[in-house]
C-alpha atoms as a PDB file:
ATOM      1  CA  MET A   1       0.000   0.000   0.000  1.00  0.00           C
ATOM      2  CA  PHE A   2       2.811   2.448   0.872  1.00  0.00           C
ATOM      3  CA  GLU A   3       5.450   0.963  -1.399  1.00  0.00           C
ATOM      4  CA  LYS A   4       7.216   3.359  -3.750  1.00  0.00           C
ATOM      5  CA  SER A   5       7.778   2.217  -7.291  1.00  0.00           C
ATOM      6  CA  PRO A   6      11.176   2.950  -8.862  1.00  0.00           C
ATOM      7  CA  LYS A   7      11.243   6.024 -11.085  1.00  0.00           C
ATOM      8  CA  SER A   8      11.798   5.659 -14.796  1.00  0.00           C
ATOM      9  CA  TYR A   9      14.398   7.703 -16.648  1.00  0.00           C
ATOM     10  CA  THR A  10      11.674  10.080 -17.892  1.00  0.00           C
ATOM     11  CA  ASP A  11      11.029  11.066 -14.262  1.00  0.00           C
ATOM     12  CA  LEU A  12      14.745  11.833 -13.892  1.00  0.00           C
ATOM     13  CA  LEU A  13      14.841  14.379 -16.726  1.00  0.00           C
ATOM     14  CA  GLY A  14      14.113  17.191 -14.276  1.00  0.00           C
ATOM     15  CA  LYS A  15      17.066  16.098 -12.114  1.00  0.00           C
ATOM     16  CA  THR A  16      20.651  17.224 -12.705  1.00  0.00           C
ATOM     17  CA  ASN A  17      23.806  15.119 -12.449  1.00  0.00           C
ATOM     18  CA  ARG A  18      26.892  17.032 -11.367  1.00  0.00           C
ATOM     19  CA  ILE A  19      30.644  16.676 -11.737  1.00  0.00           C
ATOM     20  CA  VAL A  20      32.281  19.164  -9.373  1.00  0.00           C
ATOM     21  CA  GLU A  21      35.342  21.343  -9.899  1.00  0.00           C
ATOM     22  CA  GLY A  22      38.621  19.478  -9.466  1.00  0.00           C
ATOM     23  CA  THR A  23      37.244  16.177 -10.806  1.00  0.00           C
ATOM     24  CA  SER A  24      38.710  14.722 -14.021  1.00  0.00           C
ATOM     25  CA  ILE A  25      37.087  11.958 -16.037  1.00  0.00           C
ATOM     26  CA  LYS A  26      38.642  10.035 -18.920  1.00  0.00           C
ATOM     27  CA  GLY A  27      35.979   8.082 -20.782  1.00  0.00           C
ATOM     28  CA  ASP A  28      32.480   8.426 -22.131  1.00  0.00           C
ATOM     29  CA  ILE A  29      29.404   9.623 -20.233  1.00  0.00           C
ATOM     30  CA  VAL A  30      25.884   8.569 -21.226  1.00  0.00           C
ATOM     31  CA  SER A  31      23.016  10.076 -19.243  1.00  0.00           C
ATOM     32  CA  PRO A  32      19.263  10.322 -19.846  1.00  0.00           C
ATOM     33  CA  ALA A  33      19.055  13.326 -17.479  1.00  0.00           C
ATOM     34  CA  ASP A  34      20.441  16.871 -17.386  1.00  0.00           C
ATOM     35  CA  PHE A  35      24.121  17.266 -16.527  1.00  0.00           C
ATOM     36  CA  ARG A  36      26.330  20.006 -15.058  1.00  0.00           C
ATOM     37  CA  LEU A  37      30.078  19.711 -15.540  1.00  0.00           C
ATOM     38  CA  ASP A  38      32.420  21.923 -13.526  1.00  0.00           C
ATOM     39  CA  GLY A  39      35.302  19.448 -13.771  1.00  0.00           C
ATOM     40  CA  HIS A  40      37.176  18.090 -16.787  1.00  0.00           C
ATOM     41  CA  LEU A  41      36.030  15.443 -19.261  1.00  0.00           C
ATOM     42  CA  VAL A  42      38.298  13.839 -21.841  1.00  0.00           C
ATOM     43  CA  GLY A  43      35.896  11.681 -23.812  1.00  0.00           C
ATOM     44  CA  ASN A  44      32.432  11.765 -25.315  1.00  0.00           C
ATOM     45  CA  PHE A  45      29.164  12.854 -23.736  1.00  0.00           C
ATOM     46  CA  HIS A  46      25.666  11.783 -24.822  1.00  0.00           C
ATOM     47  CA  SER A  47      22.433  12.942 -23.159  1.00  0.00           C
ATOM     48  CA  LYS A  48      18.736  13.229 -23.925  1.00  0.00           C
ATOM     49  CA  GLY A  49      18.696  16.324 -21.699  1.00  0.00           C
ATOM     50  CA  LYS A  50      20.770  19.458 -21.244  1.00  0.00           C
ATOM     51  CA  ILE A  51      24.492  19.828 -20.525  1.00  0.00           C
ATOM     52  CA  VAL A  52      25.912  22.830 -18.713  1.00  0.00           C
ATOM     53  CA  ILE A  53      29.673  23.313 -18.808  1.00  0.00           C
ATOM     54  CA  GLY A  54      30.487  25.688 -15.952  1.00  0.00           C
ATOM     55  CA  PRO A  55      33.201  28.367 -15.989  1.00  0.00           C
ATOM     56  CA  ALA A  56      35.808  25.973 -14.539  1.00  0.00           C
ATOM     57  CA  GLY A  57      34.643  23.043 -16.697  1.00  0.00           C
ATOM     58  CA  SER A  58      36.149  21.685 -19.886  1.00  0.00           C
ATOM     59  CA  VAL A  59      35.350  18.976 -22.405  1.00  0.00           C
ATOM     60  CA  THR A  60      37.701  17.501 -24.989  1.00  0.00           C
ATOM     61  CA  GLY A  61      35.649  15.153 -27.156  1.00  0.00           C
ATOM     62  CA  ASP A  62      32.247  14.914 -28.788  1.00  0.00           C
ATOM     63  CA  ILE A  63      28.918  15.975 -27.281  1.00  0.00           C
ATOM     64  CA  ILE A  64      25.422  14.983 -28.403  1.00  0.00           C
ATOM     65  CA  CYS A  65      22.544  16.498 -26.422  1.00  0.00           C
ATOM     66  CA  LYS A  66      19.183  18.255 -26.578  1.00  0.00           C
ATOM     67  CA  ASN A  67      20.306  21.668 -25.186  1.00  0.00           C
ATOM     68  CA  ALA A  68      23.637  23.079 -24.008  1.00  0.00           C
ATOM     69  CA  ASP A  69      25.012  26.051 -22.063  1.00  0.00           C
ATOM     70  CA  ILE A  70      28.771  26.490 -22.291  1.00  0.00           C
ATOM     71  CA  GLU A  71      30.676  28.854 -20.038  1.00  0.00           C
ATOM     72  CA  GLY A  72      33.962  26.927 -19.874  1.00  0.00           C
ATOM     73  CA  LYS A  73      36.152  25.307 -22.535  1.00  0.00           C
ATOM     74  CA  PHE A  74      35.130  22.909 -25.281  1.00  0.00           C
ATOM     75  CA  HIS A  75      37.264  21.289 -27.971  1.00  0.00           C
ATOM     76  CA  GLY A  76      35.668  18.792 -30.349  1.00  0.00           C
ATOM     77  CA  LYS A  77      32.368  18.250 -32.133  1.00  0.00           C
ATOM     78  CA  ILE A  78      29.075  19.217 -30.516  1.00  0.00           C
ATOM     79  CA  GLN A  79      25.610  18.337 -31.824  1.00  0.00           C
ATOM     80  CA  VAL A  80      22.743  20.126 -30.094  1.00  0.00           C
ATOM     81  CA  GLN A  81      19.198  19.286 -31.146  1.00  0.00           C
ATOM     82  CA  GLU A  82      17.642  22.556 -29.961  1.00  0.00           C
ATOM     83  CA  ILE A  83      19.531  25.566 -28.467  1.00  0.00           C
ATOM     84  CA  LEU A  84      23.258  26.069 -27.857  1.00  0.00           C
ATOM     85  CA  ASN A  85      24.021  29.017 -25.535  1.00  0.00           C
ATOM     86  CA  ILE A  86      27.640  30.170 -25.486  1.00  0.00           C
ATOM     87  CA  LYS A  87      28.407  32.462 -22.552  1.00  0.00           C
ATOM     88  CA  SER A  88      30.866  35.378 -22.607  1.00  0.00           C
ATOM     89  CA  LYS A  89      33.740  33.467 -20.923  1.00  0.00           C
ATOM     90  CA  ALA A  90      33.457  30.369 -23.139  1.00  0.00           C
ATOM     91  CA  HIS A  91      36.219  29.052 -25.413  1.00  0.00           C
ATOM     92  CA  ILE A  92      34.904  26.875 -28.263  1.00  0.00           C
ATOM     93  CA  GLN A  93      37.057  25.085 -30.860  1.00  0.00           C
ATOM     94  CA  GLY A  94      35.977  22.464 -33.352  1.00  0.00           C
ATOM     95  CA  GLU A  95      32.686  21.744 -35.061  1.00  0.00           C
ATOM     96  CA  VAL A  96      29.180  22.853 -34.046  1.00  0.00           C
ATOM     97  CA  ILE A  97      25.855  21.500 -35.316  1.00  0.00           C
ATOM     98  CA  CYS A  98      22.787  22.983 -33.657  1.00  0.00           C
ATOM     99  CA  GLY A  99      19.178  24.028 -34.127  1.00  0.00           C
ATOM    100  CA  LYS A 100      19.631  27.544 -32.718  1.00  0.00           C
ATOM    101  CA  LEU A 101      22.778  29.360 -31.597  1.00  0.00           C
ATOM    102  CA  SER A 102      23.249  32.148 -29.048  1.00  0.00           C
ATOM    103  CA  VAL A 103      26.728  33.660 -28.564  1.00  0.00           C
ATOM    104  CA  GLU A 104      27.336  36.339 -25.938  1.00  0.00           C
ATOM    105  CA  PRO A 105      29.854  39.108 -26.676  1.00  0.00           C
ATOM    106  CA  GLY A 106      33.319  38.195 -25.428  1.00  0.00           C
ATOM    107  CA  ALA A 107      33.081  34.472 -26.180  1.00  0.00           C
ATOM    108  CA  GLU A 108      35.898  32.847 -28.134  1.00  0.00           C
ATOM    109  CA  PHE A 109      34.232  30.899 -30.959  1.00  0.00           C
ATOM    110  CA  SER A 110      36.676  29.240 -33.375  1.00  0.00           C
ATOM    111  CA  ALA A 111      34.498  26.573 -34.939  1.00  0.00           C
ATOM    112  CA  SER A 112      32.664  25.633 -38.091  1.00  0.00           C
ATOM    113  CA  CYS A 113      28.951  25.947 -37.483  1.00  0.00           C
ATOM    114  CA  VAL A 114      25.945  24.369 -39.206  1.00  0.00           C
ATOM    115  CA  MET A 115      22.467  25.291 -38.050  1.00  0.00           C
ATOM    116  CA  LYS A 116      19.814  22.729 -38.889  1.00  0.00           C
ATOM    117  CA  PRO A 117      16.088  22.841 -38.168  1.00  0.00           C
ATOM    118  CA  HIS A 118      14.550  20.083 -36.082  1.00  0.00           C
ATOM    119  CA  VAL A 119      14.524  16.648 -37.678  1.00  0.00           C
ATOM    120  CA  LYS A 120      10.725  16.605 -37.529  1.00  0.00           C
ATOM    121  CA  ASN A 121      10.568  19.776 -39.645  1.00  0.00           C
ATOM    122  CA  MET A 122      12.967  18.279 -42.206  1.00  0.00           C
ATOM    123  CA  ILE A 123      10.847  15.128 -42.527  1.00  0.00           C
ATOM    124  CA  THR A 124       7.682  17.210 -43.028  1.00  0.00           C
ATOM    125  CA  ASN A 125       9.376  19.320 -45.729  1.00  0.00           C
ATOM    126  CA  GLU A 126      10.633  16.224 -47.576  1.00  0.00           C
ATOM    127  CA  GLN A 127       7.154  14.690 -47.592  1.00  0.00           C
ATOM    128  CA  SER A 128       5.537  17.873 -48.877  1.00  0.00           C
ATOM    129  CA  THR A 129       8.061  18.213 -51.743  1.00  0.00           C
ATOM    130  CA  GLU A 130       7.516  14.572 -52.696  1.00  0.00           C
ATOM    131  CA  GLU A 131       3.756  15.118 -52.806  1.00  0.00           C
ATOM    132  CA  LYS A 132       4.163  18.200 -55.025  1.00  0.00           C
ATOM    133  CA  THR A 133       6.429  16.458 -57.544  1.00  0.00           C
ATOM    134  CA  ALA A 134       4.377  13.247 -57.753  1.00  0.00           C
END
């Protein structure tokens, strides 16, 4: 009657994982929930949620996520499904693929950038062009 059922990963999407300043990780991180990184990651990161790289944080590797806020350092390839926010103290090098991009004045942004609409919008556009040509 009073037993609690275990929460699914969809219930965890409002929760945030955290790697604190001074912590270094070598390897890949896969998380269904949001993530804040104030330490250092050498490896790849994959999340269905949002990643926040704090001012003391750094990532060297590839990132795939839904949303991202970067205030620290990033070197590699980042793919953001929705919005990538680059804060004024951020240092970005590499390749960026995102839906929307916001760069604050003062940020160091040395990357190639491709902005793509949501995948759902691309599928809808392809279907409508096929219907018109048929």
